[in-house]
Amino acid sequence: MKILFIGGTRFYGKHMVEIAVANGHEVAVLSRFQTPVPQSEALFSKVEILKGDGIDDLPRLVQGRAWDAVIDVCA
């Protein structure tokens, strides 16, 4: 399953991304990355990173892409 997480780099969102990756899902994370994520962190080397400010950048970042599920964990 292709899953887009809006947020997903901190708190419980990071754990949800971890679980999705561990279960073989194709994961993308849309994040502002206000908290730096170490480049060496294995989890984020396995996901597609979409860097932007959710609402403002979302149309540009998702254009021409499709996901089976979108999970918003940024709130």
PDB file of N, CA and C in Angstrom:
ATOM      1  N   MET A   1       0.842  -1.166   0.000  1.00  0.00           N
ATOM      2  CA  MET A   1       0.000   0.000   0.000  1.00  0.00           C
ATOM      3  C   MET A   1       0.896   1.241   0.000  1.00  0.00           C
ATOM      4  N   LYS A   2       0.502   2.241  -0.766  1.00  0.00           N
ATOM      5  CA  LYS A   2       1.223   3.517  -0.787  1.00  0.00           C
ATOM      6  C   LYS A   2       0.547   4.451   0.215  1.00  0.00           C
ATOM      7  N   ILE A   3       1.352   4.954   1.165  1.00  0.00           N
ATOM      8  CA  ILE A   3       0.814   5.793   2.235  1.00  0.00           C
ATOM      9  C   ILE A   3       1.578   7.106   2.290  1.00  0.00           C
ATOM     10  N   LEU A   4       0.829   8.210   2.371  1.00  0.00           N
ATOM     11  CA  LEU A   4       1.402   9.535   2.595  1.00  0.00           C
ATOM     12  C   LEU A   4       1.092   9.942   4.023  1.00  0.00           C
ATOM     13  N   PHE A   5       2.140  10.264   4.774  1.00  0.00           N
ATOM     14  CA  PHE A   5       1.976  10.818   6.117  1.00  0.00           C
ATOM     15  C   PHE A   5       2.225  12.313   6.036  1.00  0.00           C
ATOM     16  N   ILE A   6       1.269  13.090   6.524  1.00  0.00           N
ATOM     17  CA  ILE A   6       1.471  14.531   6.649  1.00  0.00           C
ATOM     18  C   ILE A   6       1.944  14.724   8.088  1.00  0.00           C
ATOM     19  N   GLY A   7       3.197  15.113   8.233  1.00  0.00           N
ATOM     20  CA  GLY A   7       3.870  15.024   9.521  1.00  0.00           C
ATOM     21  C   GLY A   7       4.537  13.654   9.535  1.00  0.00           C
ATOM     22  N   GLY A   8       4.959  13.215  10.664  1.00  0.00           N
ATOM     23  CA  GLY A   8       5.507  11.863  10.712  1.00  0.00           C
ATOM     24  C   GLY A   8       6.974  11.776  11.049  1.00  0.00           C
ATOM     25  N   THR A   9       7.571  12.894  11.470  1.00  0.00           N
ATOM     26  CA  THR A   9       8.993  12.849  11.823  1.00  0.00           C
ATOM     27  C   THR A   9       9.224  12.891  13.322  1.00  0.00           C
ATOM     28  N   ARG A  10       8.170  13.165  14.096  1.00  0.00           N
ATOM     29  CA  ARG A  10       8.321  13.291  15.549  1.00  0.00           C
ATOM     30  C   ARG A  10       7.138  12.630  16.248  1.00  0.00           C
ATOM     31  N   PHE A  11       7.255  12.513  17.531  1.00  0.00           N
ATOM     32  CA  PHE A  11       6.196  12.002  18.398  1.00  0.00           C
ATOM     33  C   PHE A  11       5.632  10.686  17.858  1.00  0.00           C
ATOM     34  N   TYR A  12       4.324  10.510  17.917  1.00  0.00           N
ATOM     35  CA  TYR A  12       3.753   9.223  17.502  1.00  0.00           C
ATOM     36  C   TYR A  12       3.762   9.040  15.993  1.00  0.00           C
ATOM     37  N   GLY A  13       3.816  10.119  15.223  1.00  0.00           N
ATOM     38  CA  GLY A  13       3.855   9.998  13.766  1.00  0.00           C
ATOM     39  C   GLY A  13       5.066   9.226  13.287  1.00  0.00           C
ATOM     40  N   LYS A  14       6.209   9.461  13.920  1.00  0.00           N
ATOM     41  CA  LYS A  14       7.441   8.759  13.560  1.00  0.00           C
ATOM     42  C   LYS A  14       7.271   7.259  13.780  1.00  0.00           C
ATOM     43  N   HIS A  15       6.593   6.889  14.863  1.00  0.00           N
ATOM     44  CA  HIS A  15       6.371   5.473  15.150  1.00  0.00           C
ATOM     45  C   HIS A  15       5.397   4.850  14.146  1.00  0.00           C
ATOM     46  N   MET A  16       4.422   5.622  13.707  1.00  0.00           N
ATOM     47  CA  MET A  16       3.485   5.119  12.700  1.00  0.00           C
ATOM     48  C   MET A  16       4.204   4.884  11.380  1.00  0.00           C
ATOM     49  N   VAL A  17       5.096   5.792  11.010  1.00  0.00           N
ATOM     50  CA  VAL A  17       5.890   5.628   9.789  1.00  0.00           C
ATOM     51  C   VAL A  17       6.764   4.378   9.916  1.00  0.00           C
ATOM     52  N   GLU A  18       7.386   4.208  11.066  1.00  0.00           N
ATOM     53  CA  GLU A  18       8.226   3.034  11.320  1.00  0.00           C
ATOM     54  C   GLU A  18       7.450   1.731  11.118  1.00  0.00           C
ATOM     55  N   ILE A  19       6.244   1.684  11.658  1.00  0.00           N
ATOM     56  CA  ILE A  19       5.404   0.494  11.548  1.00  0.00           C
ATOM     57  C   ILE A  19       5.010   0.238  10.098  1.00  0.00           C
ATOM     58  N   ALA A  20       4.646   1.306   9.383  1.00  0.00           N
ATOM     59  CA  ALA A  20       4.249   1.152   7.981  1.00  0.00           C
ATOM     60  C   ALA A  20       5.407   0.614   7.144  1.00  0.00           C
ATOM     61  N   VAL A  21       6.599   1.152   7.349  1.00  0.00           N
ATOM     62  CA  VAL A  21       7.788   0.692   6.612  1.00  0.00           C
ATOM     63  C   VAL A  21       8.090  -0.761   6.963  1.00  0.00           C
ATOM     64  N   ALA A  22       8.023  -1.095   8.250  1.00  0.00           N
ATOM     65  CA  ALA A  22       8.314  -2.460   8.695  1.00  0.00           C
ATOM     66  C   ALA A  22       7.338  -3.476   8.113  1.00  0.00           C
ATOM     67  N   ASN A  23       6.132  -3.023   7.784  1.00  0.00           N
ATOM     68  CA  ASN A  23       5.126  -3.917   7.217  1.00  0.00           C
ATOM     69  C   ASN A  23       5.112  -3.891   5.692  1.00  0.00           C
ATOM     70  N   GLY A  24       6.150  -3.297   5.099  1.00  0.00           N
ATOM     71  CA  GLY A  24       6.330  -3.366   3.658  1.00  0.00           C
ATOM     72  C   GLY A  24       5.581  -2.343   2.836  1.00  0.00           C
ATOM     73  N   HIS A  25       5.040  -1.317   3.485  1.00  0.00           N
ATOM     74  CA  HIS A  25       4.318  -0.295   2.731  1.00  0.00           C
ATOM     75  C   HIS A  25       5.293   0.698   2.106  1.00  0.00           C
ATOM     76  N   GLU A  26       4.867   1.288   1.007  1.00  0.00           N
ATOM     77  CA  GLU A  26       5.639   2.335   0.342  1.00  0.00           C
ATOM     78  C   GLU A  26       5.204   3.653   0.967  1.00  0.00           C
ATOM     79  N   VAL A  27       6.129   4.345   1.639  1.00  0.00           N
ATOM     80  CA  VAL A  27       5.768   5.487   2.474  1.00  0.00           C
ATOM     81  C   VAL A  27       6.411   6.772   1.962  1.00  0.00           C
ATOM     82  N   ALA A  28       5.609   7.836   1.994  1.00  0.00           N
ATOM     83  CA  ALA A  28       6.097   9.188   1.753  1.00  0.00           C
ATOM     84  C   ALA A  28       5.734  10.017   2.972  1.00  0.00           C
ATOM     85  N   VAL A  29       6.607  10.958   3.322  1.00  0.00           N
ATOM     86  CA  VAL A  29       6.369  11.830   4.465  1.00  0.00           C
ATOM     87  C   VAL A  29       6.451  13.275   3.994  1.00  0.00           C
ATOM     88  N   LEU A  30       5.370  14.022   4.226  1.00  0.00           N
ATOM     89  CA  LEU A  30       5.362  15.460   3.961  1.00  0.00           C
ATOM     90  C   LEU A  30       5.615  16.151   5.290  1.00  0.00           C
ATOM     91  N   SER A  31       6.685  16.921   5.368  1.00  0.00           N
ATOM     92  CA  SER A  31       7.050  17.553   6.626  1.00  0.00           C
ATOM     93  C   SER A  31       7.734  18.883   6.379  1.00  0.00           C
ATOM     94  N   ARG A  32       7.584  19.768   7.355  1.00  0.00           N
ATOM     95  CA  ARG A  32       8.315  21.040   7.318  1.00  0.00           C
ATOM     96  C   ARG A  32       9.738  20.850   7.804  1.00  0.00           C
ATOM     97  N   PHE A  33       9.997  19.730   8.500  1.00  0.00           N
ATOM     98  CA  PHE A  33      11.312  19.421   9.049  1.00  0.00           C
ATOM     99  C   PHE A  33      11.855  20.585   9.883  1.00  0.00           C
ATOM    100  N   GLN A  34      11.012  21.087  10.781  1.00  0.00           N
ATOM    101  CA  GLN A  34      11.461  22.131  11.710  1.00  0.00           C
ATOM    102  C   GLN A  34      12.471  21.563  12.702  1.00  0.00           C
ATOM    103  N   THR A  35      12.334  20.293  13.024  1.00  0.00           N
ATOM    104  CA  THR A  35      13.314  19.605  13.860  1.00  0.00           C
ATOM    105  C   THR A  35      14.186  18.780  12.926  1.00  0.00           C
ATOM    106  N   PRO A  36      15.474  19.070  12.856  1.00  0.00           N
ATOM    107  CA  PRO A  36      16.340  18.324  11.937  1.00  0.00           C
ATOM    108  C   PRO A  36      16.320  16.821  12.213  1.00  0.00           C
ATOM    109  N   VAL A  37      16.229  16.051  11.162  1.00  0.00           N
ATOM    110  CA  VAL A  37      16.285  14.598  11.252  1.00  0.00           C
ATOM    111  C   VAL A  37      17.670  14.180  10.783  1.00  0.00           C
ATOM    112  N   PRO A  38      18.410  13.433  11.595  1.00  0.00           N
ATOM    113  CA  PRO A  38      19.760  13.013  11.175  1.00  0.00           C
ATOM    114  C   PRO A  38      19.719  12.251   9.858  1.00  0.00           C
ATOM    115  N   GLN A  39      20.569  12.623   8.931  1.00  0.00           N
ATOM    116  CA  GLN A  39      20.627  11.958   7.627  1.00  0.00           C
ATOM    117  C   GLN A  39      20.936  10.476   7.782  1.00  0.00           C
ATOM    118  N   SER A  40      21.621  10.133   8.853  1.00  0.00           N
ATOM    119  CA  SER A  40      22.016   8.741   9.047  1.00  0.00           C
ATOM    120  C   SER A  40      20.884   7.889   9.604  1.00  0.00           C
ATOM    121  N   GLU A  41      19.770   8.515   9.994  1.00  0.00           N
ATOM    122  CA  GLU A  41      18.679   7.738  10.578  1.00  0.00           C
ATOM    123  C   GLU A  41      18.095   6.806   9.516  1.00  0.00           C
ATOM    124  N   ALA A  42      18.182   5.526   9.768  1.00  0.00           N
ATOM    125  CA  ALA A  42      17.798   4.504   8.791  1.00  0.00           C
ATOM    126  C   ALA A  42      16.352   4.632   8.346  1.00  0.00           C
ATOM    127  N   LEU A  43      15.454   4.991   9.243  1.00  0.00           N
ATOM    128  CA  LEU A  43      14.038   5.083   8.899  1.00  0.00           C
ATOM    129  C   LEU A  43      13.806   6.015   7.723  1.00  0.00           C
ATOM    130  N   PHE A  44      14.415   7.191   7.755  1.00  0.00           N
ATOM    131  CA  PHE A  44      14.133   8.182   6.727  1.00  0.00           C
ATOM    132  C   PHE A  44      14.877   7.938   5.418  1.00  0.00           C
ATOM    133  N   SER A  45      15.776   6.960   5.429  1.00  0.00           N
ATOM    134  CA  SER A  45      16.402   6.567   4.163  1.00  0.00           C
ATOM    135  C   SER A  45      15.484   5.615   3.388  1.00  0.00           C
ATOM    136  N   LYS A  46      14.425   5.122   4.049  1.00  0.00           N
ATOM    137  CA  LYS A  46      13.508   4.171   3.433  1.00  0.00           C
ATOM    138  C   LYS A  46      12.195   4.800   2.984  1.00  0.00           C
ATOM    139  N   VAL A  47      12.053   6.109   3.157  1.00  0.00           N
ATOM    140  CA  VAL A  47      10.806   6.772   2.782  1.00  0.00           C
ATOM    141  C   VAL A  47      11.096   7.911   1.816  1.00  0.00           C
ATOM    142  N   GLU A  48      10.087   8.270   1.052  1.00  0.00           N
ATOM    143  CA  GLU A  48      10.207   9.438   0.175  1.00  0.00           C
ATOM    144  C   GLU A  48       9.926  10.669   1.025  1.00  0.00           C
ATOM    145  N   ILE A  49      10.804  11.647   0.961  1.00  0.00           N
ATOM    146  CA  ILE A  49      10.654  12.859   1.743  1.00  0.00           C
ATOM    147  C   ILE A  49      10.109  13.965   0.848  1.00  0.00           C
ATOM    148  N   LEU A  50       8.991  14.542   1.261  1.00  0.00           N
ATOM    149  CA  LEU A  50       8.412  15.699   0.587  1.00  0.00           C
ATOM    150  C   LEU A  50       8.513  16.853   1.568  1.00  0.00           C
ATOM    151  N   LYS A  51       9.407  17.772   1.308  1.00  0.00           N
ATOM    152  CA  LYS A  51       9.638  18.865   2.244  1.00  0.00           C
ATOM    153  C   LYS A  51       8.816  20.074   1.835  1.00  0.00           C
ATOM    154  N   GLY A  52       7.994  20.535   2.766  1.00  0.00           N
ATOM    155  CA  GLY A  52       7.185  21.705   2.496  1.00  0.00           C
ATOM    156  C   GLY A  52       6.282  22.018   3.664  1.00  0.00           C
ATOM    157  N   ASP A  53       5.511  23.079   3.509  1.00  0.00           N
ATOM    158  CA  ASP A  53       4.591  23.513   4.552  1.00  0.00           C
ATOM    159  C   ASP A  53       3.189  23.071   4.166  1.00  0.00           C
ATOM    160  N   GLY A  54       2.855  21.858   4.569  1.00  0.00           N
ATOM    161  CA  GLY A  54       1.579  21.206   4.316  1.00  0.00           C
ATOM    162  C   GLY A  54       0.573  21.894   3.423  1.00  0.00           C
ATOM    163  N   ILE A  55      -0.252  22.749   3.984  1.00  0.00           N
ATOM    164  CA  ILE A  55      -1.373  23.340   3.260  1.00  0.00           C
ATOM    165  C   ILE A  55      -0.904  24.169   2.075  1.00  0.00           C
ATOM    166  N   ASP A  56       0.112  25.002   2.262  1.00  0.00           N
ATOM    167  CA  ASP A  56       0.573  25.874   1.188  1.00  0.00           C
ATOM    168  C   ASP A  56       1.261  25.109   0.058  1.00  0.00           C
ATOM    169  N   ASP A  57       2.039  24.111   0.406  1.00  0.00           N
ATOM    170  CA  ASP A  57       2.832  23.386  -0.586  1.00  0.00           C
ATOM    171  C   ASP A  57       2.197  22.089  -1.064  1.00  0.00           C
ATOM    172  N   LEU A  58       1.146  21.647  -0.396  1.00  0.00           N
ATOM    173  CA  LEU A  58       0.559  20.343  -0.704  1.00  0.00           C
ATOM    174  C   LEU A  58       0.181  20.172  -2.177  1.00  0.00           C
ATOM    175  N   PRO A  59      -0.542  21.125  -2.787  1.00  0.00           N
ATOM    176  CA  PRO A  59      -0.916  20.912  -4.202  1.00  0.00           C
ATOM    177  C   PRO A  59       0.290  20.694  -5.120  1.00  0.00           C
ATOM    178  N   ARG A  60       1.340  21.455  -4.918  1.00  0.00           N
ATOM    179  CA  ARG A  60       2.539  21.327  -5.748  1.00  0.00           C
ATOM    180  C   ARG A  60       3.244  19.994  -5.501  1.00  0.00           C
ATOM    181  N   LEU A  61       3.307  19.572  -4.250  1.00  0.00           N
ATOM    182  CA  LEU A  61       4.051  18.369  -3.898  1.00  0.00           C
ATOM    183  C   LEU A  61       3.343  17.079  -4.287  1.00  0.00           C
ATOM    184  N   VAL A  62       2.023  17.101  -4.349  1.00  0.00           N
ATOM    185  CA  VAL A  62       1.292  15.865  -4.641  1.00  0.00           C
ATOM    186  C   VAL A  62       0.822  15.773  -6.091  1.00  0.00           C
ATOM    187  N   GLN A  63       1.046  16.802  -6.855  1.00  0.00           N
ATOM    188  CA  GLN A  63       0.601  16.808  -8.246  1.00  0.00           C
ATOM    189  C   GLN A  63       1.175  15.622  -9.011  1.00  0.00           C
ATOM    190  N   GLY A  64       0.291  14.872  -9.653  1.00  0.00           N
ATOM    191  CA  GLY A  64       0.708  13.728 -10.448  1.00  0.00           C
ATOM    192  C   GLY A  64       1.034  12.482  -9.637  1.00  0.00           C
ATOM    193  N   ARG A  65       0.748  12.500  -8.350  1.00  0.00           N
ATOM    194  CA  ARG A  65       1.026  11.349  -7.491  1.00  0.00           C
ATOM    195  C   ARG A  65      -0.280  10.813  -6.931  1.00  0.00           C
ATOM    196  N   ALA A  66      -0.245   9.578  -6.500  1.00  0.00           N
ATOM    197  CA  ALA A  66      -1.437   8.959  -5.908  1.00  0.00           C
ATOM    198  C   ALA A  66      -1.014   8.066  -4.752  1.00  0.00           C
ATOM    199  N   TRP A  67      -1.831   8.059  -3.707  1.00  0.00           N
ATOM    200  CA  TRP A  67      -1.608   7.191  -2.554  1.00  0.00           C
ATOM    201  C   TRP A  67      -2.884   6.439  -2.254  1.00  0.00           C
ATOM    202  N   ASP A  68      -2.745   5.290  -1.614  1.00  0.00           N
ATOM    203  CA  ASP A  68      -3.896   4.515  -1.188  1.00  0.00           C
ATOM    204  C   ASP A  68      -4.490   5.058   0.103  1.00  0.00           C
ATOM    205  N   ALA A  69      -3.633   5.719   0.898  1.00  0.00           N
ATOM    206  CA  ALA A  69      -4.089   6.295   2.168  1.00  0.00           C
ATOM    207  C   ALA A  69      -3.250   7.527   2.469  1.00  0.00           C
ATOM    208  N   VAL A  70      -3.898   8.510   3.093  1.00  0.00           N
ATOM    209  CA  VAL A  70      -3.212   9.717   3.568  1.00  0.00           C
ATOM    210  C   VAL A  70      -3.522   9.827   5.054  1.00  0.00           C
ATOM    211  N   ILE A  71      -2.470   9.936   5.857  1.00  0.00           N
ATOM    212  CA  ILE A  71      -2.642  10.000   7.307  1.00  0.00           C
ATOM    213  C   ILE A  71      -2.017  11.303   7.799  1.00  0.00           C
ATOM    214  N   ASP A  72      -2.833  12.163   8.395  1.00  0.00           N
ATOM    215  CA  ASP A  72      -2.377  13.455   8.902  1.00  0.00           C
ATOM    216  C   ASP A  72      -2.054  13.316  10.388  1.00  0.00           C
ATOM    217  N   VAL A  73      -0.778  13.386  10.718  1.00  0.00           N
ATOM    218  CA  VAL A  73      -0.366  13.266  12.115  1.00  0.00           C
ATOM    219  C   VAL A  73       0.302  14.559  12.606  1.00  0.00           C
ATOM    220  N   CYS A  74       0.103  15.644  11.888  1.00  0.00           N
ATOM    221  CA  CYS A  74       0.808  16.879  12.254  1.00  0.00           C
ATOM    222  C   CYS A  74       0.082  17.685  13.327  1.00  0.00           C
ATOM    223  N   ALA A  75      -1.151  17.382  13.600  1.00  0.00           N
ATOM    224  CA  ALA A  75      -1.892  18.205  14.569  1.00  0.00           C
ATOM    225  C   ALA A  75      -1.700  17.729  15.982  1.00  0.00           C
TER     226      ALA A  75
END
